[in-house]
Amino acid sequence: MTAAGIAMINSIGNLAGFVSPYMIGYLKDLTGRTDTALFVVAAGLVIGAVAVACVLRGRSGLGAPQVSARG
């Protein structure tokens, strides 16, 4: 299970590394400015960070494992 998660993260990172230069070039040609493309990339990073925060907040059992006293 862990290997599949690492492979998925690696695949998404490789895909982003391939798509990002083309997207930045396209947005630069479309708007004539580089900063607009970088704002789009920054917005994607913020959306990703918010998604991770929401997933972590929704999960239970974060932190130290709970020890239950069973008789």
PDB file of N, CA and C in Angstrom:
ATOM      1  N   MET A   1       0.824  -1.194   0.000  1.00  0.00           N
ATOM      2  CA  MET A   1       0.000   0.000   0.000  1.00  0.00           C
ATOM      3  C   MET A   1       0.867   1.256   0.000  1.00  0.00           C
ATOM      4  N   THR A   2       1.925   1.242   0.788  1.00  0.00           N
ATOM      5  CA  THR A   2       2.816   2.397   0.849  1.00  0.00           C
ATOM      6  C   THR A   2       3.497   2.630  -0.490  1.00  0.00           C
ATOM      7  N   ALA A   3       3.922   1.566  -1.141  1.00  0.00           N
ATOM      8  CA  ALA A   3       4.591   1.699  -2.439  1.00  0.00           C
ATOM      9  C   ALA A   3       3.654   2.303  -3.481  1.00  0.00           C
ATOM     10  N   ALA A   4       2.388   1.948  -3.435  1.00  0.00           N
ATOM     11  CA  ALA A   4       1.429   2.515  -4.381  1.00  0.00           C
ATOM     12  C   ALA A   4       1.235   4.006  -4.134  1.00  0.00           C
ATOM     13  N   GLY A   5       1.209   4.415  -2.875  1.00  0.00           N
ATOM     14  CA  GLY A   5       1.079   5.838  -2.558  1.00  0.00           C
ATOM     15  C   GLY A   5       2.286   6.633  -3.020  1.00  0.00           C
ATOM     16  N   ILE A   6       3.473   6.085  -2.796  1.00  0.00           N
ATOM     17  CA  ILE A   6       4.692   6.766  -3.241  1.00  0.00           C
ATOM     18  C   ILE A   6       4.722   6.851  -4.761  1.00  0.00           C
ATOM     19  N   ALA A   7       4.321   5.787  -5.441  1.00  0.00           N
ATOM     20  CA  ALA A   7       4.290   5.786  -6.903  1.00  0.00           C
ATOM     21  C   ALA A   7       3.300   6.817  -7.440  1.00  0.00           C
ATOM     22  N   MET A   8       2.141   6.955  -6.774  1.00  0.00           N
ATOM     23  CA  MET A   8       1.158   7.934  -7.212  1.00  0.00           C
ATOM     24  C   MET A   8       1.691   9.358  -7.038  1.00  0.00           C
ATOM     25  N   ILE A   9       2.314   9.643  -5.905  1.00  0.00           N
ATOM     26  CA  ILE A   9       2.887  10.966  -5.666  1.00  0.00           C
ATOM     27  C   ILE A   9       3.963  11.266  -6.700  1.00  0.00           C
ATOM     28  N   ASN A  10       4.805  10.292  -6.991  1.00  0.00           N
ATOM     29  CA  ASN A  10       5.855  10.472  -7.974  1.00  0.00           C
ATOM     30  C   ASN A  10       5.271  10.706  -9.367  1.00  0.00           C
ATOM     31  N   SER A  11       4.228   9.992  -9.719  1.00  0.00           N
ATOM     32  CA  SER A  11       3.588  10.158 -11.025  1.00  0.00           C
ATOM     33  C   SER A  11       2.971  11.545 -11.174  1.00  0.00           C
ATOM     34  N   ILE A  12       2.302  12.011 -10.137  1.00  0.00           N
ATOM     35  CA  ILE A  12       1.694  13.347 -10.187  1.00  0.00           C
ATOM     36  C   ILE A  12       2.781  14.412 -10.298  1.00  0.00           C
ATOM     37  N   GLY A  13       3.874  14.237  -9.561  1.00  0.00           N
ATOM     38  CA  GLY A  13       4.980  15.190  -9.648  1.00  0.00           C
ATOM     39  C   GLY A  13       5.602  15.214 -11.029  1.00  0.00           C
ATOM     40  N   ASN A  14       5.775  14.052 -11.643  1.00  0.00           N
ATOM     41  CA  ASN A  14       6.328  13.999 -12.999  1.00  0.00           C
ATOM     42  C   ASN A  14       5.381  14.631 -14.007  1.00  0.00           C
ATOM     43  N   LEU A  15       4.094  14.403 -13.849  1.00  0.00           N
ATOM     44  CA  LEU A  15       3.109  15.006 -14.743  1.00  0.00           C
ATOM     45  C   LEU A  15       3.121  16.528 -14.617  1.00  0.00           C
ATOM     46  N   ALA A  16       3.199  17.017 -13.392  1.00  0.00           N
ATOM     47  CA  ALA A  16       3.253  18.470 -13.180  1.00  0.00           C
ATOM     48  C   ALA A  16       4.534  19.063 -13.776  1.00  0.00           C
ATOM     49  N   GLY A  17       5.638  18.350 -13.654  1.00  0.00           N
ATOM     50  CA  GLY A  17       6.888  18.824 -14.240  1.00  0.00           C
ATOM     51  C   GLY A  17       6.845  18.871 -15.755  1.00  0.00           C
ATOM     52  N   PHE A  18       6.016  18.041 -16.362  1.00  0.00           N
ATOM     53  CA  PHE A  18       5.877  18.040 -17.813  1.00  0.00           C
ATOM     54  C   PHE A  18       4.897  19.118 -18.276  1.00  0.00           C
ATOM     55  N   VAL A  19       3.788  19.273 -17.568  1.00  0.00           N
ATOM     56  CA  VAL A  19       2.717  20.178 -18.001  1.00  0.00           C
ATOM     57  C   VAL A  19       3.016  21.637 -17.670  1.00  0.00           C
ATOM     58  N   SER A  20       3.665  21.905 -16.546  1.00  0.00           N
ATOM     59  CA  SER A  20       3.859  23.281 -16.083  1.00  0.00           C
ATOM     60  C   SER A  20       4.581  24.182 -17.085  1.00  0.00           C
ATOM     61  N   PRO A  21       5.692  23.779 -17.684  1.00  0.00           N
ATOM     62  CA  PRO A  21       6.343  24.679 -18.650  1.00  0.00           C
ATOM     63  C   PRO A  21       5.449  25.023 -19.841  1.00  0.00           C
ATOM     64  N   TYR A  22       4.686  24.050 -20.326  1.00  0.00           N
ATOM     65  CA  TYR A  22       3.785  24.331 -21.439  1.00  0.00           C
ATOM     66  C   TYR A  22       2.673  25.280 -21.016  1.00  0.00           C
ATOM     67  N   MET A  23       2.145  25.087 -19.798  1.00  0.00           N
ATOM     68  CA  MET A  23       1.084  25.956 -19.305  1.00  0.00           C
ATOM     69  C   MET A  23       1.599  27.379 -19.113  1.00  0.00           C
ATOM     70  N   ILE A  24       2.787  27.513 -18.557  1.00  0.00           N
ATOM     71  CA  ILE A  24       3.358  28.846 -18.352  1.00  0.00           C
ATOM     72  C   ILE A  24       3.600  29.535 -19.689  1.00  0.00           C
ATOM     73  N   GLY A  25       4.127  28.791 -20.654  1.00  0.00           N
ATOM     74  CA  GLY A  25       4.339  29.365 -21.986  1.00  0.00           C
ATOM     75  C   GLY A  25       3.041  29.781 -22.650  1.00  0.00           C
ATOM     76  N   TYR A  26       2.019  28.947 -22.529  1.00  0.00           N
ATOM     77  CA  TYR A  26       0.718  29.266 -23.115  1.00  0.00           C
ATOM     78  C   TYR A  26       0.125  30.522 -22.481  1.00  0.00           C
ATOM     79  N   LEU A  27       0.149  30.586 -21.152  1.00  0.00           N
ATOM     80  CA  LEU A  27      -0.411  31.760 -20.470  1.00  0.00           C
ATOM     81  C   LEU A  27       0.412  33.018 -20.757  1.00  0.00           C
ATOM     82  N   LYS A  28       1.716  32.875 -20.908  1.00  0.00           N
ATOM     83  CA  LYS A  28       2.550  34.025 -21.252  1.00  0.00           C
ATOM     84  C   LYS A  28       2.207  34.526 -22.647  1.00  0.00           C
ATOM     85  N   ASP A  29       2.011  33.608 -23.597  1.00  0.00           N
ATOM     86  CA  ASP A  29       1.617  34.011 -24.944  1.00  0.00           C
ATOM     87  C   ASP A  29       0.225  34.620 -24.953  1.00  0.00           C
ATOM     88  N   LEU A  30      -0.660  34.095 -24.119  1.00  0.00           N
ATOM     89  CA  LEU A  30      -2.037  34.574 -24.088  1.00  0.00           C
ATOM     90  C   LEU A  30      -2.138  35.970 -23.474  1.00  0.00           C
ATOM     91  N   THR A  31      -1.408  36.191 -22.371  1.00  0.00           N
ATOM     92  CA  THR A  31      -1.527  37.460 -21.659  1.00  0.00           C
ATOM     93  C   THR A  31      -0.380  38.419 -21.927  1.00  0.00           C
ATOM     94  N   GLY A  32       0.760  37.898 -22.373  1.00  0.00           N
ATOM     95  CA  GLY A  32       1.916  38.746 -22.599  1.00  0.00           C
ATOM     96  C   GLY A  32       2.721  39.011 -21.338  1.00  0.00           C
ATOM     97  N   ARG A  33       2.349  38.390 -20.245  1.00  0.00           N
ATOM     98  CA  ARG A  33       3.036  38.597 -18.965  1.00  0.00           C
ATOM     99  C   ARG A  33       3.350  37.259 -18.318  1.00  0.00           C
ATOM    100  N   THR A  34       4.502  37.184 -17.696  1.00  0.00           N
ATOM    101  CA  THR A  34       4.905  35.957 -17.028  1.00  0.00           C
ATOM    102  C   THR A  34       4.281  35.846 -15.645  1.00  0.00           C
ATOM    103  N   ASP A  35       4.064  36.991 -14.996  1.00  0.00           N
ATOM    104  CA  ASP A  35       3.559  36.933 -13.619  1.00  0.00           C
ATOM    105  C   ASP A  35       2.155  36.324 -13.537  1.00  0.00           C
ATOM    106  N   THR A  36       1.353  36.468 -14.571  1.00  0.00           N
ATOM    107  CA  THR A  36       0.030  35.861 -14.568  1.00  0.00           C
ATOM    108  C   THR A  36       0.143  34.335 -14.504  1.00  0.00           C
ATOM    109  N   ALA A  37       1.059  33.784 -15.279  1.00  0.00           N
ATOM    110  CA  ALA A  37       1.257  32.336 -15.263  1.00  0.00           C
ATOM    111  C   ALA A  37       1.750  31.866 -13.896  1.00  0.00           C
ATOM    112  N   LEU A  38       2.614  32.635 -13.283  1.00  0.00           N
ATOM    113  CA  LEU A  38       3.126  32.252 -11.968  1.00  0.00           C
ATOM    114  C   LEU A  38       2.052  32.367 -10.890  1.00  0.00           C
ATOM    115  N   PHE A  39       1.135  33.310 -11.048  1.00  0.00           N
ATOM    116  CA  PHE A  39       0.008  33.394 -10.116  1.00  0.00           C
ATOM    117  C   PHE A  39      -0.883  32.156 -10.231  1.00  0.00           C
ATOM    118  N   VAL A  40      -1.053  31.648 -11.441  1.00  0.00           N
ATOM    119  CA  VAL A  40      -1.852  30.430 -11.638  1.00  0.00           C
ATOM    120  C   VAL A  40      -1.165  29.242 -10.963  1.00  0.00           C
ATOM    121  N   VAL A  41       0.149  29.142 -11.118  1.00  0.00           N
ATOM    122  CA  VAL A  41       0.895  28.063 -10.468  1.00  0.00           C
ATOM    123  C   VAL A  41       0.794  28.195  -8.948  1.00  0.00           C
ATOM    124  N   ALA A  42       0.939  29.417  -8.429  1.00  0.00           N
ATOM    125  CA  ALA A  42       0.828  29.643  -6.986  1.00  0.00           C
ATOM    126  C   ALA A  42      -0.567  29.296  -6.480  1.00  0.00           C
ATOM    127  N   ALA A  43      -1.591  29.611  -7.261  1.00  0.00           N
ATOM    128  CA  ALA A  43      -2.962  29.266  -6.862  1.00  0.00           C
ATOM    129  C   ALA A  43      -3.128  27.749  -6.780  1.00  0.00           C
ATOM    130  N   GLY A  44      -2.523  27.031  -7.708  1.00  0.00           N
ATOM    131  CA  GLY A  44      -2.576  25.574  -7.649  1.00  0.00           C
ATOM    132  C   GLY A  44      -1.911  25.029  -6.404  1.00  0.00           C
ATOM    133  N   LEU A  45      -0.793  25.633  -6.009  1.00  0.00           N
ATOM    134  CA  LEU A  45      -0.117  25.200  -4.785  1.00  0.00           C
ATOM    135  C   LEU A  45      -0.966  25.484  -3.547  1.00  0.00           C
ATOM    136  N   VAL A  46      -1.616  26.632  -3.523  1.00  0.00           N
ATOM    137  CA  VAL A  46      -2.474  26.977  -2.380  1.00  0.00           C
ATOM    138  C   VAL A  46      -3.669  26.021  -2.309  1.00  0.00           C
ATOM    139  N   ILE A  47      -4.256  25.716  -3.456  1.00  0.00           N
ATOM    140  CA  ILE A  47      -5.386  24.777  -3.480  1.00  0.00           C
ATOM    141  C   ILE A  47      -4.945  23.417  -2.975  1.00  0.00           C
ATOM    142  N   GLY A  48      -3.761  22.977  -3.377  1.00  0.00           N
ATOM    143  CA  GLY A  48      -3.234  21.701  -2.902  1.00  0.00           C
ATOM    144  C   GLY A  48      -3.002  21.698  -1.404  1.00  0.00           C
ATOM    145  N   ALA A  49      -2.459  22.799  -0.874  1.00  0.00           N
ATOM    146  CA  ALA A  49      -2.210  22.887   0.563  1.00  0.00           C
ATOM    147  C   ALA A  49      -3.519  22.875   1.352  1.00  0.00           C
ATOM    148  N   VAL A  50      -4.530  23.562   0.848  1.00  0.00           N
ATOM    149  CA  VAL A  50      -5.828  23.567   1.518  1.00  0.00           C
ATOM    150  C   VAL A  50      -6.456  22.177   1.469  1.00  0.00           C
ATOM    151  N   ALA A  51      -6.308  21.480   0.350  1.00  0.00           N
ATOM    152  CA  ALA A  51      -6.856  20.127   0.236  1.00  0.00           C
ATOM    153  C   ALA A  51      -6.184  19.190   1.227  1.00  0.00           C
ATOM    154  N   VAL A  52      -4.867  19.292   1.373  1.00  0.00           N
ATOM    155  CA  VAL A  52      -4.151  18.449   2.336  1.00  0.00           C
ATOM    156  C   VAL A  52      -4.605  18.777   3.759  1.00  0.00           C
ATOM    157  N   ALA A  53      -4.757  20.055   4.062  1.00  0.00           N
ATOM    158  CA  ALA A  53      -5.199  20.449   5.397  1.00  0.00           C
ATOM    159  C   ALA A  53      -6.600  19.921   5.693  1.00  0.00           C
ATOM    160  N   CYS A  54      -7.471  19.962   4.700  1.00  0.00           N
ATOM    161  CA  CYS A  54      -8.835  19.448   4.904  1.00  0.00           C
ATOM    162  C   CYS A  54      -8.831  17.937   5.124  1.00  0.00           C
ATOM    163  N   VAL A  55      -8.010  17.229   4.383  1.00  0.00           N
ATOM    164  CA  VAL A  55      -7.945  15.781   4.544  1.00  0.00           C
ATOM    165  C   VAL A  55      -7.382  15.431   5.917  1.00  0.00           C
ATOM    166  N   LEU A  56      -6.338  16.128   6.324  1.00  0.00           N
ATOM    167  CA  LEU A  56      -5.746  15.839   7.626  1.00  0.00           C
ATOM    168  C   LEU A  56      -6.688  16.193   8.771  1.00  0.00           C
ATOM    169  N   ARG A  57      -7.441  17.259   8.623  1.00  0.00           N
ATOM    170  CA  ARG A  57      -8.386  17.646   9.666  1.00  0.00           C
ATOM    171  C   ARG A  57      -9.518  16.632   9.768  1.00  0.00           C
ATOM    172  N   GLY A  58      -9.925  16.061   8.632  1.00  0.00           N
ATOM    173  CA  GLY A  58     -11.027  15.109   8.623  1.00  0.00           C
ATOM    174  C   GLY A  58     -10.653  13.732   9.130  1.00  0.00           C
ATOM    175  N   ARG A  59      -9.363  13.435   9.145  1.00  0.00           N
ATOM    176  CA  ARG A  59      -8.931  12.112   9.610  1.00  0.00           C
ATOM    177  C   ARG A  59      -8.926  12.074  11.124  1.00  0.00           C
ATOM    178  N   SER A  60      -9.297  10.951  11.656  1.00  0.00           N
ATOM    179  CA  SER A  60      -9.228  10.793  13.115  1.00  0.00           C
ATOM    180  C   SER A  60      -8.000   9.983  13.443  1.00  0.00           C
ATOM    181  N   GLY A  61      -7.546  10.106  14.655  1.00  0.00           N
ATOM    182  CA  GLY A  61      -6.414   9.327  15.105  1.00  0.00           C
ATOM    183  C   GLY A  61      -5.064   9.933  14.764  1.00  0.00           C
ATOM    184  N   LEU A  62      -5.030  11.219  14.504  1.00  0.00           N
ATOM    185  CA  LEU A  62      -3.752  11.854  14.235  1.00  0.00           C
ATOM    186  C   LEU A  62      -2.978  12.015  15.539  1.00  0.00           C
ATOM    187  N   GLY A  63      -1.702  12.001  15.436  1.00  0.00           N
ATOM    188  CA  GLY A  63      -0.867  12.176  16.623  1.00  0.00           C
ATOM    189  C   GLY A  63      -0.489  10.845  17.226  1.00  0.00           C
ATOM    190  N   ALA A  64      -0.258  10.848  18.513  1.00  0.00           N
ATOM    191  CA  ALA A  64       0.174   9.645  19.215  1.00  0.00           C
ATOM    192  C   ALA A  64      -0.962   8.630  19.268  1.00  0.00           C
ATOM    193  N   PRO A  65      -0.630   7.361  19.177  1.00  0.00           N
ATOM    194  CA  PRO A  65      -1.675   6.339  19.262  1.00  0.00           C
ATOM    195  C   PRO A  65      -2.341   6.339  20.634  1.00  0.00           C
ATOM    196  N   GLN A  66      -3.628   6.125  20.628  1.00  0.00           N
ATOM    197  CA  GLN A  66      -4.395   6.106  21.860  1.00  0.00           C
ATOM    198  C   GLN A  66      -4.345   4.713  22.477  1.00  0.00           C
ATOM    199  N   VAL A  67      -4.105   4.666  23.771  1.00  0.00           N
ATOM    200  CA  VAL A  67      -4.076   3.396  24.486  1.00  0.00           C
ATOM    201  C   VAL A  67      -5.375   3.286  25.266  1.00  0.00           C
ATOM    202  N   SER A  68      -6.089   2.208  25.022  1.00  0.00           N
ATOM    203  CA  SER A  68      -7.338   2.021  25.749  1.00  0.00           C
ATOM    204  C   SER A  68      -7.129   0.988  26.844  1.00  0.00           C
ATOM    205  N   ALA A  69      -7.733   1.253  27.989  1.00  0.00           N
ATOM    206  CA  ALA A  69      -7.639   0.329  29.117  1.00  0.00           C
ATOM    207  C   ALA A  69      -8.793  -0.635  29.060  1.00  0.00           C
ATOM    208  N   ARG A  70      -8.509  -1.824  28.592  1.00  0.00           N
ATOM    209  CA  ARG A  70      -9.562  -2.839  28.516  1.00  0.00           C
ATOM    210  C   ARG A  70      -9.328  -3.854  29.617  1.00  0.00           C
ATOM    211  N   GLY A  71     -10.378  -4.193  30.284  1.00  0.00           N
ATOM    212  CA  GLY A  71     -10.339  -5.079  31.421  1.00  0.00           C
ATOM    213  C   GLY A  71     -10.043  -6.458  31.133  1.00  0.00           C
TER     214      GLY A  71
END
